[in-house]
């Protein structure tokens, strides 16, 4: 198989300019992390973000291999006050990274070359400066410069802020539901809960991605007749509407909405039983719909996934043309 890729010069220039604007506007600089001392800094960032268990610590030897020729390894550092301010807060010491990201080269089952973005995390200072968005724009430019047109990653479908970031801020939508993707996890955030994940595909050339990179987030509107199949009750618990689910199965509704909890990470600490009930509700609804030809086509009101039957999507629709296997 010949995987030699030819970059699109116009797209590369557009993405590079967008990445530079994003970083400069937040007073950040992004660099590839190629040296062993950088890898120690990256591990420290991720350990601080996730409270990772010893068995989850990243090997600096593996990071060196990824950086050498097997993927994407980048970090963001503060170089100035946000929005071009004169405040100089750069730190060249061991703690200069405020966010970092790792990705691996891959080839899908269909033979498409991709980057799998494995993990991206930011410290409080990085989050305040939208370092996640800055890193993703750097990643987009980096991939396009190497001829890659698609990035994929996984995230927990219940984490509303991540759903919003992916669908709205980046223009990337889920294509597959993966049960217990990582098996049992023991870090401070995920311990004691199933590691179900959505697989997201980011079409780097799509109008949504191009507009998002230029500062125009994606917007999604539920069509007339869309019905909520999972929603939140007054006590924050999930409710699965069996009647709507049956109507979806028989093709009697044009779209359905699957709600998410306001803050599932806090809920796991304060009310683990309710957090697990949200997982069960999604498991009862989402995999079956995706398996019968429905697709995630947006995020409505910052809180609910919009699912639409593939039969109602036009062939040109980026969501319909992903080629992903149904869950």
Protein backbone atom coordinates (compact mmCIF):
# COMPACT_ATOMS: atom_id res chain seq x y z
CA UNK A 1 0.00 0.00 0.00
CA UNK A 2 1.39 3.40 -1.02
CA UNK A 3 0.67 5.91 1.72
CA UNK A 4 2.71 8.75 0.28
CA UNK A 5 0.46 11.78 0.72
CA UNK A 6 0.46 15.08 -1.13
CA UNK A 7 -0.41 18.16 0.94
CA UNK A 8 -2.82 20.79 -0.39
CA UNK A 9 -0.73 23.97 -0.29
CA UNK A 10 -3.72 26.30 -0.01
CA UNK A 11 -5.23 24.32 2.86
CA UNK A 12 -1.86 24.13 4.62
CA UNK A 13 -1.44 27.92 4.43
CA UNK A 14 -4.99 28.53 5.69
CA UNK A 15 -4.59 26.13 8.59
CA UNK A 16 -1.19 27.48 9.56
CA UNK A 17 -2.50 31.03 9.66
CA UNK A 18 -5.52 29.96 11.71
CA UNK A 19 -3.32 28.09 14.19
CA UNK A 20 -1.02 31.10 14.57
CA UNK A 21 -3.99 33.41 15.21
CA UNK A 22 -5.42 31.06 17.81
CA UNK A 23 -2.13 30.77 19.70
CA UNK A 24 -1.25 34.46 19.48
CA UNK A 25 -4.67 35.53 20.68
CA UNK A 26 -4.22 33.56 23.89
CA UNK A 27 -0.59 34.44 24.53
CA UNK A 28 0.53 30.88 23.87
CA UNK A 29 3.25 29.28 21.77
CA UNK A 30 2.96 25.70 20.56
CA UNK A 31 6.01 23.58 19.85
CA UNK A 32 6.65 19.97 18.96
CA UNK A 33 8.06 18.03 21.90
CA UNK A 34 11.07 16.15 20.58
CA UNK A 35 13.53 16.11 23.49
CA UNK A 36 13.52 13.78 26.53
CA UNK A 37 13.22 16.71 28.95
CA UNK A 38 10.08 17.81 27.11
CA UNK A 39 8.61 14.35 27.58
CA UNK A 40 9.09 14.56 31.34
CA UNK A 41 7.23 17.87 31.29
CA UNK A 42 4.39 16.33 29.27
CA UNK A 43 4.02 13.44 31.73
CA UNK A 44 3.88 15.91 34.61
CA UNK A 45 1.06 17.83 32.91
CA UNK A 46 -1.04 14.72 32.29
CA UNK A 47 -0.46 13.36 35.79
CA UNK A 48 -1.61 16.68 37.24
CA UNK A 49 -4.74 16.77 35.05
CA UNK A 50 -5.93 13.20 35.56
CA UNK A 51 -4.33 12.09 38.82
CA UNK A 52 -3.15 9.08 36.89
CA UNK A 53 -2.44 5.77 38.62
CA UNK A 54 1.12 4.40 38.41
CA UNK A 55 0.15 1.80 35.79
CA UNK A 56 -1.20 4.59 33.57
CA UNK A 57 1.95 6.71 33.59
CA UNK A 58 3.33 7.34 30.13
CA UNK A 59 6.71 5.89 29.23
CA UNK A 60 9.15 8.59 28.21
CA UNK A 61 10.84 6.03 25.95
CA UNK A 62 7.56 5.53 24.07
CA UNK A 63 7.06 9.28 23.82
CA UNK A 64 10.51 9.58 22.28
CA UNK A 65 9.55 7.04 19.60
CA UNK A 66 6.27 8.81 18.86
CA UNK A 67 8.05 12.14 18.52
CA UNK A 68 10.79 10.66 16.37
CA UNK A 69 8.70 9.24 13.53
CA UNK A 70 5.40 7.78 14.70
CA UNK A 71 3.05 10.62 15.44
CA UNK A 72 2.28 14.00 16.92
CA UNK A 73 3.66 15.30 20.20
CA UNK A 74 3.15 18.98 20.99
CA UNK A 75 2.82 21.30 23.95
CA UNK A 76 1.67 24.84 24.65
CA UNK A 77 3.55 27.36 26.78
CA UNK A 78 2.60 30.83 27.96
CA UNK A 79 4.66 33.54 26.27
CA UNK A 80 2.61 36.70 26.87
CA UNK A 81 -0.60 38.09 28.27
CA UNK A 82 -3.75 36.96 26.43
CA UNK A 83 -4.92 38.88 23.34
CA UNK A 84 -1.53 40.39 22.72
CA UNK A 85 -1.12 41.95 26.16
CA UNK A 86 2.32 43.02 27.29
CA UNK A 87 2.34 40.81 30.38
CA UNK A 88 5.38 38.59 30.05
CA UNK A 89 4.92 35.34 31.93
CA UNK A 90 7.14 32.96 29.99
CA UNK A 91 8.99 30.34 32.04
CA UNK A 92 11.79 28.30 30.52
CA UNK A 93 11.99 26.00 33.53
CA UNK A 94 10.60 22.47 33.86
CA UNK A 95 7.05 23.69 34.45
CA UNK A 96 6.65 25.82 31.34
CA UNK A 97 4.04 23.58 29.63
CA UNK A 98 0.41 24.40 30.38
CA UNK A 99 -1.08 21.87 27.92
CA UNK A 100 0.04 19.00 25.72
CA UNK A 101 -1.26 16.57 23.11
CA UNK A 102 -0.29 13.15 21.74
CA UNK A 103 -1.37 11.58 18.44
CA UNK A 104 -0.42 8.42 16.56
CA UNK A 105 -0.28 7.74 12.83
CA UNK A 106 -2.75 5.05 11.77
CA UNK A 107 -4.68 3.48 8.93
CA UNK A 108 -8.39 2.69 9.28
CA UNK A 109 -9.93 -0.66 8.35
CA UNK A 110 -10.99 0.99 5.08
CA UNK A 111 -7.36 1.90 4.31
CA UNK A 112 -7.58 5.62 5.08
CA UNK A 113 -4.45 7.19 6.62
CA UNK A 114 -5.31 9.19 9.75
CA UNK A 115 -3.91 10.66 12.92
CA UNK A 116 -5.47 9.18 16.06
CA UNK A 117 -5.35 11.95 18.64
CA UNK A 118 -4.88 9.89 21.78
CA UNK A 119 -4.84 12.42 24.60
CA UNK A 120 -4.94 16.20 25.07
CA UNK A 121 -4.89 17.85 28.47
CA UNK A 122 -4.44 21.30 29.97
CA UNK A 123 -3.61 22.71 33.40
CA UNK A 124 -5.78 25.48 34.85
CA UNK A 125 -3.68 28.20 33.20
CA UNK A 126 -3.97 26.40 29.88
CA UNK A 127 -7.72 25.99 30.21
CA UNK A 128 -8.08 29.70 30.98
CA UNK A 129 -6.29 30.43 27.69
CA UNK A 130 -8.28 27.89 25.64
CA UNK A 131 -5.15 25.81 25.10
CA UNK A 132 -7.22 22.83 23.95
CA UNK A 133 -8.52 24.77 20.96
CA UNK A 134 -5.07 26.20 20.29
CA UNK A 135 -3.49 22.73 20.28
CA UNK A 136 -6.20 21.27 18.03
CA UNK A 137 -5.65 24.03 15.47
CA UNK A 138 -1.91 23.36 15.59
CA UNK A 139 -2.66 19.67 15.16
CA UNK A 140 -4.91 20.39 12.16
CA UNK A 141 -2.19 22.43 10.46
CA UNK A 142 0.43 19.80 11.28
CA UNK A 143 -1.67 17.03 9.74
CA UNK A 144 -2.57 18.96 6.59
CA UNK A 145 1.13 19.76 6.05
CA UNK A 146 1.71 15.99 5.92
CA UNK A 147 -1.19 15.28 3.58
CA UNK A 148 -3.50 13.86 6.26
CA UNK A 149 -7.14 14.90 5.90
CA UNK A 150 -8.70 13.19 8.93
CA UNK A 151 -8.08 13.13 12.67
CA UNK A 152 -10.00 10.84 14.99
CA UNK A 153 -10.19 10.51 18.76
CA UNK A 154 -12.43 9.18 21.49
CA UNK A 155 -14.23 10.91 24.33
CA UNK A 156 -16.81 10.09 26.97
CA UNK A 157 -20.29 10.81 25.47
CA UNK A 158 -21.54 11.92 28.90
CA UNK A 159 -19.06 14.78 29.27
CA UNK A 160 -21.12 17.67 27.95
CA UNK A 161 -18.30 20.22 27.73
CA UNK A 162 -16.27 17.85 25.55
CA UNK A 163 -19.28 17.19 23.32
CA UNK A 164 -19.67 20.95 22.85
CA UNK A 165 -15.97 21.49 22.21
CA UNK A 166 -15.80 18.75 19.58
CA UNK A 167 -19.04 19.42 17.72
CA UNK A 168 -19.27 23.20 17.98
CA UNK A 169 -15.78 24.61 18.50
CA UNK A 170 -14.06 22.18 16.11
CA UNK A 171 -16.87 20.94 13.84
CA UNK A 172 -16.13 17.25 14.57
CA UNK A 173 -18.93 14.72 15.14
CA UNK A 174 -19.12 11.20 16.64
CA UNK A 175 -19.47 8.26 14.25
CA UNK A 176 -19.32 5.19 16.51
CA UNK A 177 -20.17 4.11 20.07
CA UNK A 178 -17.49 1.96 21.72
CA UNK A 179 -18.35 -0.09 24.82
CA UNK A 180 -15.70 -0.07 27.57
CA UNK A 181 -13.07 1.07 25.10
CA UNK A 182 -10.27 1.28 27.69
CA UNK A 183 -11.55 -1.45 29.97
CA UNK A 184 -11.39 -0.69 33.70
CA UNK A 185 -9.77 2.66 34.41
CA UNK A 186 -8.21 3.63 37.73
CA UNK A 187 -7.43 7.33 37.40
CA UNK A 188 -9.06 9.89 39.70
CA UNK A 189 -11.65 10.94 37.09
CA UNK A 190 -12.82 7.60 35.62
CA UNK A 191 -12.34 5.02 38.38
CA UNK A 192 -15.41 2.92 39.11
CA UNK A 193 -17.26 3.73 35.89
CA UNK A 194 -17.49 2.14 32.44
CA UNK A 195 -15.10 3.56 29.85
CA UNK A 196 -17.63 3.81 27.01
CA UNK A 197 -16.48 6.26 24.34
CA UNK A 198 -17.66 8.01 21.22
CA UNK A 199 -15.28 7.82 18.27
CA UNK A 200 -15.02 11.23 16.61
CA UNK A 201 -13.85 11.91 13.08
CA UNK A 202 -12.61 15.39 12.21
CA UNK A 203 -12.68 16.07 8.47
CA UNK A 204 -9.98 18.75 8.27
CA UNK A 205 -11.18 20.03 4.88
CA UNK A 206 -14.88 20.17 5.79
CA UNK A 207 -16.64 23.57 5.71
CA UNK A 208 -17.41 23.15 9.43
CA UNK A 209 -13.75 22.62 10.32
CA UNK A 210 -12.53 25.46 8.10
CA UNK A 211 -15.10 27.88 9.54
CA UNK A 212 -14.35 26.80 13.11
CA UNK A 213 -10.62 27.36 12.56
CA UNK A 214 -11.43 30.87 11.33
CA UNK A 215 -13.39 31.60 14.50
CA UNK A 216 -16.95 30.72 13.48
CA UNK A 217 -18.22 27.80 15.59
CA UNK A 218 -20.57 25.26 14.05
CA UNK A 219 -24.31 25.59 14.68
CA UNK A 220 -26.91 22.82 14.71
CA UNK A 221 -30.70 23.05 14.74
CA UNK A 222 -33.18 20.26 15.43
CA UNK A 223 -35.67 19.83 12.57
CA UNK A 224 -39.43 20.16 13.15
CA UNK A 225 -40.77 16.98 14.70
CA UNK A 226 -37.54 16.02 16.48
CA UNK A 227 -38.30 14.30 19.79
CA UNK A 228 -36.29 13.82 22.98
CA UNK A 229 -35.54 10.14 23.51
CA UNK A 230 -33.29 10.75 26.54
CA UNK A 231 -33.86 13.79 28.74
CA UNK A 232 -33.13 14.96 32.28
CA UNK A 233 -35.81 15.01 34.97
CA UNK A 234 -36.14 17.60 37.74
CA UNK A 235 -33.73 15.66 39.94
CA UNK A 236 -31.01 15.36 37.31
CA UNK A 237 -31.75 11.72 36.48
CA UNK A 238 -32.06 10.43 32.92
CA UNK A 239 -35.41 9.48 31.45
CA UNK A 240 -35.62 7.22 28.39
CA UNK A 241 -38.84 7.79 26.45
CA UNK A 242 -39.79 4.32 25.25
CA UNK A 243 -42.47 5.67 22.95
CA UNK A 244 -40.05 7.95 21.14
CA UNK A 245 -37.55 5.10 20.88
CA UNK A 246 -40.21 2.91 19.25
CA UNK A 247 -41.13 5.73 16.87
CA UNK A 248 -37.47 6.09 15.93
CA UNK A 249 -37.29 2.36 15.21
CA UNK A 250 -40.29 2.55 12.91
CA UNK A 251 -39.16 5.71 11.15
CA UNK A 252 -41.97 7.88 12.53
CA UNK A 253 -39.75 10.74 13.72
CA UNK A 254 -37.27 12.72 11.57
CA UNK A 255 -34.70 13.08 14.37
CA UNK A 256 -34.18 12.40 18.06
CA UNK A 257 -32.38 14.21 20.84
CA UNK A 258 -30.20 12.39 23.39
CA UNK A 259 -29.55 14.53 26.44
CA UNK A 260 -26.44 14.61 28.64
CA UNK A 261 -25.96 15.42 32.34
CA UNK A 262 -24.82 18.94 33.17
CA UNK A 263 -21.59 17.82 34.88
CA UNK A 264 -21.08 14.06 34.94
CA UNK A 265 -17.56 14.34 36.37
CA UNK A 266 -18.86 16.12 39.46
CA UNK A 267 -21.80 13.71 39.58
CA UNK A 268 -19.45 10.72 39.74
CA UNK A 269 -18.03 12.13 42.97
CA UNK A 270 -21.29 13.29 44.56
CA UNK A 271 -23.83 10.77 43.19
CA UNK A 272 -22.20 7.80 41.51
CA UNK A 273 -25.49 5.90 41.14
CA UNK A 274 -27.05 8.67 39.05
CA UNK A 275 -23.90 8.95 36.94
CA UNK A 276 -24.11 5.21 36.22
CA UNK A 277 -27.79 5.56 35.33
CA UNK A 278 -26.86 8.09 32.64
CA UNK A 279 -24.41 5.58 31.19
CA UNK A 280 -27.11 2.92 31.17
CA UNK A 281 -29.57 5.27 29.46
CA UNK A 282 -27.11 6.07 26.67
CA UNK A 283 -26.29 2.39 26.28
CA UNK A 284 -30.00 1.62 25.95
CA UNK A 285 -30.46 4.10 23.12
CA UNK A 286 -27.39 5.25 21.20
CA UNK A 287 -25.67 2.01 20.05
CA UNK A 288 -28.96 0.61 18.75
CA UNK A 289 -29.77 3.72 16.76
CA UNK A 290 -26.29 3.92 15.25
CA UNK A 291 -26.43 0.22 14.44
CA UNK A 292 -29.71 0.68 12.56
CA UNK A 293 -28.45 3.47 10.35
CA UNK A 294 -28.87 6.63 12.38
CA UNK A 295 -26.04 9.17 12.59
CA UNK A 296 -25.04 11.87 15.05
CA UNK A 297 -25.57 15.08 13.08
CA UNK A 298 -25.09 17.77 15.70
CA UNK A 299 -25.31 19.04 19.25
CA UNK A 300 -28.37 21.13 20.14
CA UNK A 301 -28.61 23.70 22.96
CA UNK A 302 -25.10 22.76 24.12
CA UNK A 303 -26.57 19.67 25.78
CA UNK A 304 -28.29 17.13 23.48
CA UNK A 305 -26.96 15.02 20.65
CA UNK A 306 -29.02 15.28 17.48
CA UNK A 307 -29.42 11.92 15.70
CA UNK A 308 -30.88 11.59 12.20
CA UNK A 309 -31.62 8.53 10.04
CA UNK A 310 -28.99 8.11 7.33
CA UNK A 311 -31.83 7.84 4.80
CA UNK A 312 -32.63 11.53 5.38
CA UNK A 313 -29.05 12.68 4.86
CA UNK A 314 -27.86 13.80 1.45
CA UNK A 315 -24.97 11.86 -0.12
CA UNK A 316 -22.83 15.00 0.12
CA UNK A 317 -23.33 15.30 3.85
CA UNK A 318 -19.97 14.99 5.69
CA UNK A 319 -21.72 12.98 8.40
CA UNK A 320 -23.25 10.53 5.92
CA UNK A 321 -20.00 10.08 4.05
CA UNK A 322 -17.71 9.14 6.92
CA UNK A 323 -17.55 5.48 5.96
CA UNK A 324 -17.38 4.49 9.63
CA UNK A 325 -18.65 1.11 10.79
CA UNK A 326 -21.83 1.37 12.83
CA UNK A 327 -21.54 0.57 16.51
